[in-house]
Amino acid sequence: MPAQNTAFQYGAVARLFHWLTALGIFFLIASGLIAEEWPYGTESELATKVTLFSTHKTIGVLIFFIALARILWALTQPRPTPLHPERKLETLAAETVHWLLYGSILLVPLSGWVYHAATSGFAPIWWPFGQSLPFVPKSESLAHVASTLHEVLNWVLWASVALHVAGAMKHQVVDKDPTLSRMTKGVPAGTTEAPKTSHAFSATLALGVWAVMLSAGTAMGMFEEREPRPTDAADLAEVDSQWTVQDGTLAITIQQMGSAVEGTFEQWTADIAFEEQDAPGKTGEVTVEIATGSIALGSVTSQAVGSDFLAVETFPTAVFQADILNVADGYAAEGTLTLKGVTMPVTMPFQMTIQDGIATMEGRTTLERLNYGVGENMADGTQLGLRVDVSVKLVAEKAD
């Protein structure tokens, strides 16, 4: 049995690529739907969901490279002629579906891979080459676009697979010709070579299908930019502070499945009273109010705001109240953090410089999430780390 194609026969290599791709597509469709619907309310459920998504992503990357190899091989091979070249409309439809399939088996896994690389956290790809992609930054906007593309392109893939299978069954059951046997057994079929024709029209039709589907997704608002803050974030009152924050970041980092997941709170206020002094001791006070629903934590944001974690519907804000102390190696904010109705002592060491009435500070501390009842359904730390690193950077100007 030849490895290469002929004008009447698919070679062993082409058939191997075909069936590996087909099995991969059916597996990815099933695993993606199952993983999406799998619950994650308990630690064991989350572990299963992560495994399902990691399997889906890893096989998706594998299928991407198999599809790429398949296309490169196809470019070097003659395409066996249709058994019914006189059926021009049927031949055109088959060629168009093939273009859609070839494009989809590249674009669907690639868009999912870009989404994975652009967002933070949840379900790593099981391979030793890291989780990022060249030229793909961590960006929620990019992740949203890639995720939407992945969904829309999947519509095209599913429809193309259905049409391809239906066409194969039509040849097998209605026409009773050896079209399917050419791909399953490598059976040569056909007696004359069909005249060579341009594939440009069928490729253009395939591009038109993608354009229509992307336009439909756009019309449905699927590509619209997400609100920068979740709708359940509390509205915080303005503060009359001695120091006005001009710029700042309130960030957290937690380990999930062994990988660092980074996020920020987009909405918070700081009421700062502070006077410089050389002597050690209290130099001021600070109250920071945080809209917990404004958290942006990559692909796990919706989970973070839920009742098992930050419970933003019941506890829409967290408050840090502290004295600002001048200590030997800089400063410290020593006070309490109230989160989910629980108040615990917290100290945040920080460094600060002041020049021409502009203060620049940077500090960090670590919280034990179980002290605040956050993620008690994942209490052993295997799926989700027990410690949360908190970092603050801000620039503030002293009021006149």
Protein backbone atom coordinates (compact mmCIF):
# COMPACT_ATOMS: atom_id res chain seq x y z
CA MET A 1 0.00 0.00 0.00
CA PRO A 2 1.67 3.25 -1.10
CA ALA A 3 2.48 5.97 1.38
CA GLN A 4 1.78 8.74 -1.13
CA ASN A 5 -1.40 9.71 -2.95
CA THR A 6 -2.15 8.96 -6.58
CA ALA A 7 -4.80 10.39 -8.86
CA PHE A 8 -7.20 7.64 -7.74
CA GLN A 9 -6.03 6.68 -4.25
CA TYR A 10 -5.25 8.21 -0.85
CA GLY A 11 -1.88 7.06 0.49
CA ALA A 12 -1.27 5.65 3.95
CA VAL A 13 0.12 8.92 5.32
CA ALA A 14 -2.87 11.02 4.20
CA ARG A 15 -5.31 8.48 5.63
CA LEU A 16 -3.43 8.35 8.94
CA PHE A 17 -3.55 12.14 9.21
CA HIS A 18 -7.26 12.13 8.32
CA TRP A 19 -8.29 9.66 11.02
CA LEU A 20 -6.01 11.14 13.71
CA THR A 21 -7.56 14.53 13.03
CA ALA A 22 -11.09 13.12 12.97
CA LEU A 23 -10.64 11.32 16.30
CA GLY A 24 -9.09 14.45 17.78
CA ILE A 25 -11.96 16.66 16.62
CA PHE A 26 -14.64 14.39 18.07
CA PHE A 27 -12.71 14.09 21.33
CA LEU A 28 -12.24 17.87 21.59
CA ILE A 29 -15.91 18.60 20.93
CA ALA A 30 -17.01 16.11 23.59
CA SER A 31 -14.37 17.04 26.18
CA GLY A 32 -14.97 20.78 25.70
CA LEU A 33 -18.72 20.48 26.24
CA ILE A 34 -18.28 18.20 29.26
CA ALA A 35 -15.61 20.42 30.85
CA GLU A 36 -17.73 23.54 30.33
CA GLU A 37 -20.74 22.02 32.10
CA TRP A 38 -18.84 20.23 34.87
CA PRO A 39 -19.61 21.70 38.33
CA TYR A 40 -16.86 23.13 40.54
CA GLY A 41 -18.54 23.66 43.88
CA THR A 42 -16.26 21.29 45.81
CA GLU A 43 -12.54 20.68 45.75
CA SER A 44 -12.97 17.28 44.08
CA GLU A 45 -15.32 18.75 41.46
CA LEU A 46 -12.85 21.54 40.72
CA ALA A 47 -10.01 19.03 40.43
CA THR A 48 -12.04 17.06 37.88
CA LYS A 49 -12.97 20.22 35.96
CA VAL A 50 -9.32 21.30 35.84
CA THR A 51 -8.31 17.84 34.60
CA LEU A 52 -10.99 17.93 31.91
CA PHE A 53 -9.94 21.36 30.69
CA SER A 54 -6.23 20.50 30.83
CA THR A 55 -6.89 17.36 28.79
CA HIS A 56 -8.96 19.36 26.30
CA LYS A 57 -6.26 22.03 25.94
CA THR A 58 -3.38 19.56 25.66
CA ILE A 59 -5.10 17.45 23.02
CA GLY A 60 -6.10 20.68 21.24
CA VAL A 61 -2.46 21.75 20.95
CA LEU A 62 -1.54 18.27 19.72
CA ILE A 63 -4.29 18.38 17.09
CA PHE A 64 -3.09 21.80 15.96
CA PHE A 65 0.34 20.39 15.14
CA ILE A 66 -1.13 17.24 13.56
CA ALA A 67 -3.39 19.44 11.40
CA LEU A 68 -0.45 21.63 10.42
CA ALA A 69 1.55 18.54 9.41
CA ARG A 70 -1.46 17.19 7.54
CA ILE A 71 -1.85 20.39 5.52
CA LEU A 72 1.87 20.56 4.72
CA TRP A 73 1.75 16.94 3.57
CA ALA A 74 -1.34 17.60 1.45
CA LEU A 75 0.45 20.44 -0.32
CA THR A 76 3.04 17.94 -1.57
CA GLN A 77 0.51 15.34 -2.75
CA PRO A 78 -1.88 14.99 -5.68
CA ARG A 79 -5.52 15.10 -4.65
CA PRO A 80 -7.44 12.01 -5.81
CA THR A 81 -10.04 13.06 -8.33
CA PRO A 82 -13.75 13.13 -7.41
CA LEU A 83 -15.66 10.00 -8.44
CA HIS A 84 -18.41 12.15 -9.93
CA PRO A 85 -16.75 15.21 -11.46
CA GLU A 86 -19.80 15.74 -13.65
CA ARG A 87 -21.78 16.67 -10.52
CA LYS A 88 -20.39 20.17 -10.44
CA LEU A 89 -22.53 21.53 -7.60
CA GLU A 90 -21.83 18.52 -5.39
CA THR A 91 -18.10 18.75 -6.13
CA LEU A 92 -18.09 22.47 -5.33
CA ALA A 93 -19.90 21.88 -2.03
CA ALA A 94 -17.44 19.12 -1.07
CA GLU A 95 -14.45 21.33 -1.86
CA THR A 96 -15.90 24.23 0.13
CA VAL A 97 -16.49 22.00 3.17
CA HIS A 98 -12.92 20.72 2.88
CA TRP A 99 -11.61 24.29 2.93
CA LEU A 100 -13.74 24.98 6.02
CA LEU A 101 -12.44 21.84 7.71
CA TYR A 102 -8.79 22.59 6.94
CA GLY A 103 -9.14 26.14 8.22
CA SER A 104 -11.12 25.12 11.29
CA ILE A 105 -8.71 22.42 12.46
CA LEU A 106 -6.04 25.13 12.58
CA LEU A 107 -8.02 28.17 13.74
CA VAL A 108 -10.13 26.54 16.46
CA PRO A 109 -7.21 25.16 18.52
CA LEU A 110 -5.10 28.24 17.78
CA SER A 111 -7.77 30.63 19.06
CA GLY A 112 -8.18 28.50 22.19
CA TRP A 113 -4.42 28.51 22.69
CA VAL A 114 -4.26 32.30 22.37
CA TYR A 115 -7.07 32.61 24.92
CA HIS A 116 -5.19 30.34 27.31
CA ALA A 117 -1.97 32.35 26.91
CA ALA A 118 -3.69 35.73 27.30
CA THR A 119 -5.56 34.97 30.50
CA SER A 120 -4.42 33.94 33.97
CA GLY A 121 -4.99 30.78 35.90
CA PHE A 122 -6.91 27.56 35.61
CA ALA A 123 -6.10 24.29 33.84
CA PRO A 124 -2.55 24.27 32.48
CA ILE A 125 -1.50 22.65 29.23
CA TRP A 126 0.37 19.45 30.08
CA TRP A 127 3.67 19.95 28.34
CA PRO A 128 7.15 21.25 29.29
CA PHE A 129 7.17 24.38 27.11
CA GLY A 130 5.32 26.82 29.34
CA GLN A 131 1.84 28.32 29.19
CA SER A 132 2.53 31.48 27.19
CA LEU A 133 2.82 32.18 23.47
CA PRO A 134 5.23 34.54 21.72
CA PHE A 135 3.72 37.97 21.06
CA VAL A 136 0.63 37.15 23.16
CA PRO A 137 0.48 39.41 26.25
CA LYS A 138 -1.61 38.82 29.34
CA SER A 139 -4.67 40.83 28.38
CA GLU A 140 -8.30 40.39 29.36
CA SER A 141 -9.38 42.22 26.18
CA LEU A 142 -7.32 39.91 23.98
CA ALA A 143 -8.50 36.88 25.96
CA HIS A 144 -12.12 37.92 25.39
CA VAL A 145 -11.61 38.30 21.64
CA ALA A 146 -9.78 34.96 21.39
CA SER A 147 -12.43 33.20 23.46
CA THR A 148 -15.20 34.61 21.27
CA LEU A 149 -13.33 33.61 18.11
CA HIS A 150 -12.92 30.13 19.56
CA GLU A 151 -16.68 29.88 20.08
CA VAL A 152 -17.68 31.27 16.68
CA LEU A 153 -15.09 29.17 14.82
CA ASN A 154 -16.41 26.12 16.64
CA TRP A 155 -19.82 26.74 15.08
CA VAL A 156 -18.21 26.52 11.65
CA LEU A 157 -16.25 23.42 12.65
CA TRP A 158 -19.30 21.59 13.97
CA ALA A 159 -21.35 22.41 10.88
CA SER A 160 -18.47 21.41 8.58
CA VAL A 161 -17.98 18.09 10.36
CA ALA A 162 -21.72 17.38 10.16
CA LEU A 163 -21.78 18.16 6.41
CA HIS A 164 -18.63 16.11 5.81
CA VAL A 165 -20.06 13.07 7.62
CA ALA A 166 -23.40 13.49 5.87
CA GLY A 167 -21.62 13.61 2.50
CA ALA A 168 -19.65 10.45 3.28
CA MET A 169 -22.85 8.63 4.32
CA LYS A 170 -24.58 9.81 1.13
CA HIS A 171 -21.79 8.32 -0.97
CA GLN A 172 -21.88 5.08 1.04
CA VAL A 173 -25.63 4.55 1.38
CA VAL A 174 -27.22 6.37 -1.55
CA ASP A 175 -24.57 6.36 -4.27
CA LYS A 176 -23.00 3.08 -3.07
CA ASP A 177 -19.65 4.18 -4.44
CA PRO A 178 -16.16 3.60 -2.95
CA THR A 179 -15.63 7.19 -1.72
CA LEU A 180 -15.53 6.10 1.94
CA SER A 181 -13.44 3.02 1.13
CA ARG A 182 -10.78 5.24 -0.44
CA MET A 183 -10.22 6.84 2.97
CA THR A 184 -10.76 3.81 5.20
CA LYS A 185 -8.94 1.12 3.19
CA GLY A 186 -6.98 3.04 0.59
CA VAL A 187 -9.05 1.50 -2.22
CA PRO A 188 -8.23 3.05 -5.61
CA ALA A 189 -11.31 4.27 -7.44
CA GLY A 190 -12.12 6.08 -10.66
CA THR A 191 -11.20 5.41 -14.23
CA THR A 192 -10.37 8.75 -15.70
CA GLU A 193 -8.70 11.81 -14.34
CA ALA A 194 -11.00 14.79 -14.05
CA PRO A 195 -9.79 17.99 -15.71
CA LYS A 196 -7.80 20.21 -13.37
CA THR A 197 -9.87 23.06 -12.03
CA SER A 198 -9.12 26.07 -9.88
CA HIS A 199 -9.98 25.81 -6.19
CA ALA A 200 -10.20 29.59 -5.86
CA PHE A 201 -14.00 29.73 -6.02
CA SER A 202 -14.53 27.09 -3.30
CA ALA A 203 -11.88 28.80 -1.12
CA THR A 204 -13.68 32.12 -1.61
CA LEU A 205 -16.97 30.52 -0.58
CA ALA A 206 -15.30 29.17 2.57
CA LEU A 207 -13.96 32.62 3.39
CA GLY A 208 -17.47 33.95 2.87
CA VAL A 209 -18.86 31.45 5.38
CA TRP A 210 -16.33 32.54 8.00
CA ALA A 211 -17.08 36.20 7.26
CA VAL A 212 -20.83 35.59 7.70
CA MET A 213 -20.32 33.76 11.00
CA LEU A 214 -17.96 36.40 12.36
CA SER A 215 -20.42 39.10 11.30
CA ALA A 216 -23.20 37.21 13.09
CA GLY A 217 -21.09 37.02 16.24
CA THR A 218 -20.39 40.74 15.99
CA ALA A 219 -24.08 41.55 15.45
CA MET A 220 -24.94 39.49 18.53
CA GLY A 221 -22.53 41.62 20.56
CA MET A 222 -20.19 38.74 21.30
CA PHE A 223 -17.06 40.76 20.50
CA GLU A 224 -18.08 43.84 22.48
CA GLU A 225 -15.58 44.95 25.09
CA ARG A 226 -16.46 43.72 28.52
CA GLU A 227 -17.21 46.22 31.21
CA PRO A 228 -13.97 47.00 33.06
CA ARG A 229 -15.74 46.33 36.34
CA PRO A 230 -18.30 43.65 37.06
CA THR A 231 -21.84 44.92 37.43
CA ASP A 232 -21.98 43.58 40.98
CA ALA A 233 -19.14 45.83 42.19
CA ALA A 234 -20.24 48.20 44.93
CA ASP A 235 -20.26 51.94 44.36
CA LEU A 236 -17.79 53.48 46.77
CA ALA A 237 -18.24 56.94 48.25
CA GLU A 238 -15.63 59.56 47.52
CA VAL A 239 -13.23 60.28 50.36
CA ASP A 240 -11.94 63.65 51.60
CA SER A 241 -8.33 62.60 52.04
CA GLN A 242 -5.28 64.60 53.09
CA TRP A 243 -3.43 62.71 50.34
CA THR A 244 -5.17 62.11 47.00
CA VAL A 245 -4.27 58.96 45.12
CA GLN A 246 -3.23 59.87 41.58
CA ASP A 247 -2.36 56.38 40.42
CA GLY A 248 -2.31 53.00 42.08
CA THR A 249 -2.63 49.24 41.86
CA LEU A 250 -4.08 46.83 44.42
CA ALA A 251 -3.08 43.33 43.31
CA ILE A 252 -3.24 39.78 44.62
CA THR A 253 -1.43 36.58 43.69
CA ILE A 254 -2.50 33.06 44.61
CA GLN A 255 -1.28 29.63 43.57
CA GLN A 256 -3.75 27.47 41.67
CA MET A 257 -2.74 24.01 40.49
CA GLY A 258 0.87 25.00 41.11
CA SER A 259 0.71 28.12 38.93
CA ALA A 260 0.56 31.73 40.06
CA VAL A 261 -2.73 33.48 39.27
CA GLU A 262 -2.53 37.26 39.40
CA GLY A 263 -5.42 39.68 39.69
CA THR A 264 -6.33 43.22 40.66
CA PHE A 265 -9.12 45.11 42.36
CA GLU A 266 -10.20 47.82 39.96
CA GLN A 267 -12.28 49.89 42.38
CA TRP A 268 -11.00 51.07 45.76
CA THR A 269 -10.51 54.26 47.77
CA ALA A 270 -7.83 55.36 50.23
CA ASP A 271 -8.35 57.96 52.96
CA ILE A 272 -4.82 58.89 54.03
CA ALA A 273 -3.69 61.19 56.84
CA PHE A 274 0.09 61.38 57.12
CA GLU A 275 2.80 63.77 58.32
CA GLU A 276 6.49 63.13 57.81
CA GLN A 277 8.61 62.72 60.94
CA ASP A 278 12.03 61.32 61.74
CA ALA A 279 11.11 59.81 65.08
CA PRO A 280 9.79 56.24 65.14
CA GLY A 281 6.15 55.68 65.95
CA LYS A 282 2.77 56.65 64.56
CA THR A 283 2.84 59.15 61.72
CA GLY A 284 -0.68 58.86 60.35
CA GLU A 285 -3.71 56.72 59.56
CA VAL A 286 -5.17 55.09 56.47
CA THR A 287 -8.52 53.56 55.59
CA VAL A 288 -8.81 51.60 52.37
CA GLU A 289 -12.24 50.50 51.16
CA ILE A 290 -12.35 47.90 48.40
CA ALA A 291 -15.26 46.92 46.16
CA THR A 292 -14.64 43.18 46.20
CA GLY A 293 -16.83 42.67 43.14
CA SER A 294 -14.35 44.71 41.08
CA ILE A 295 -11.80 41.91 41.16
CA ALA A 296 -10.27 40.89 37.84
CA LEU A 297 -8.71 37.44 38.22
CA GLY A 298 -8.45 36.11 34.72
CA SER A 299 -10.51 33.07 33.84
CA VAL A 300 -11.51 32.44 37.46
CA THR A 301 -13.05 35.87 38.14
CA SER A 302 -16.62 34.57 38.17
CA GLN A 303 -15.61 31.86 40.63
CA ALA A 304 -13.79 34.36 42.87
CA VAL A 305 -16.86 36.59 43.34
CA GLY A 306 -19.13 33.65 44.15
CA SER A 307 -20.57 32.66 47.51
CA ASP A 308 -17.81 30.15 48.29
CA PHE A 309 -15.09 32.78 47.92
CA LEU A 310 -15.55 36.57 48.18
CA ALA A 311 -19.37 36.38 48.32
CA VAL A 312 -19.71 39.86 46.88
CA GLU A 313 -23.52 39.88 46.94
CA THR A 314 -23.49 39.50 50.72
CA PHE A 315 -20.21 41.31 51.43
CA PRO A 316 -19.71 43.91 48.68
CA THR A 317 -16.78 45.68 50.35
CA ALA A 318 -13.67 44.97 52.40
CA VAL A 319 -12.06 47.55 54.66
CA PHE A 320 -8.46 47.91 55.79
CA GLN A 321 -7.96 50.36 58.68
CA ALA A 322 -4.47 50.95 60.01
CA ASP A 323 -2.04 53.26 61.75
CA ILE A 324 0.93 54.32 59.67
CA LEU A 325 4.11 53.68 61.64
CA ASN A 326 7.64 54.92 61.06
CA VAL A 327 9.79 51.82 61.65
CA ALA A 328 13.49 51.07 61.45
CA ASP A 329 13.51 49.85 57.82
CA GLY A 330 10.79 52.05 56.36
CA TYR A 331 7.10 52.17 57.19
CA ALA A 332 4.34 49.80 58.22
CA ALA A 333 0.58 50.00 58.09
CA GLU A 334 -0.57 48.16 61.19
CA GLY A 335 -4.28 47.55 61.67
CA THR A 336 -7.14 45.26 60.70
CA LEU A 337 -8.74 43.91 57.55
CA THR A 338 -12.45 43.21 57.52
CA LEU A 339 -13.41 40.78 54.77
CA LYS A 340 -16.59 38.69 54.54
CA GLY A 341 -17.60 39.98 57.94
CA VAL A 342 -14.40 38.73 59.59
CA THR A 343 -11.90 41.18 61.12
CA MET A 344 -8.30 40.07 61.50
CA PRO A 345 -5.07 41.93 62.36
CA VAL A 346 -2.88 42.74 59.36
CA THR A 347 0.46 44.48 59.02
CA MET A 348 1.78 45.68 55.69
CA PRO A 349 5.41 46.83 55.57
CA PHE A 350 6.08 49.35 52.82
CA GLN A 351 8.62 51.72 51.40
CA MET A 352 7.79 55.33 50.59
CA THR A 353 9.51 58.36 49.14
CA ILE A 354 8.15 61.90 49.19
CA GLN A 355 9.30 64.65 46.90
CA ASP A 356 7.61 68.00 46.26
CA GLY A 357 4.40 66.86 47.91
CA ILE A 358 4.20 63.62 45.87
CA ALA A 359 4.40 60.33 47.76
CA THR A 360 5.31 57.08 46.03
CA MET A 361 4.81 53.89 48.03
CA GLU A 362 5.07 50.18 47.48
CA GLY A 363 4.21 47.48 49.99
CA ARG A 364 3.11 43.89 50.30
CA THR A 365 1.78 41.42 52.82
CA THR A 366 0.36 37.90 52.93
CA LEU A 367 -3.09 36.81 54.04
CA GLU A 368 -4.39 33.40 55.04
CA ARG A 369 -7.61 33.09 53.05
CA LEU A 370 -9.21 30.54 55.40
CA ASN A 371 -9.03 33.09 58.23
CA TYR A 372 -11.71 34.99 56.31
CA GLY A 373 -13.75 31.98 55.24
CA VAL A 374 -12.65 32.32 51.61
CA GLY A 375 -12.74 29.02 49.72
CA GLU A 376 -13.49 26.81 52.71
CA ASN A 377 -14.62 24.12 50.26
CA MET A 378 -10.96 23.94 49.13
CA ALA A 379 -9.26 23.81 52.48
CA ASP A 380 -6.28 21.50 51.93
CA GLY A 381 -4.37 23.81 49.59
CA THR A 382 -3.76 21.24 46.85
CA GLN A 383 -6.00 22.87 44.25
CA LEU A 384 -5.90 26.41 45.58
CA GLY A 385 -3.13 27.87 47.72
CA LEU A 386 -3.92 28.88 51.29
CA ARG A 387 -1.83 32.07 51.23
CA VAL A 388 -2.71 35.15 49.21
CA ASP A 389 0.03 37.68 48.45
CA VAL A 390 -1.24 41.26 48.43
CA SER A 391 0.75 44.09 46.85
CA VAL A 392 0.01 47.80 46.75
CA LYS A 393 1.61 50.49 44.61
CA LEU A 394 0.38 54.06 44.60
CA VAL A 395 1.30 57.65 43.91
CA ALA A 396 -0.48 60.25 46.04
CA GLU A 397 -0.38 64.02 46.16
CA LYS A 398 -0.78 66.00 49.36
CA ALA A 399 -3.76 68.31 49.34
CA ASP A 400 -3.17 72.04 49.72
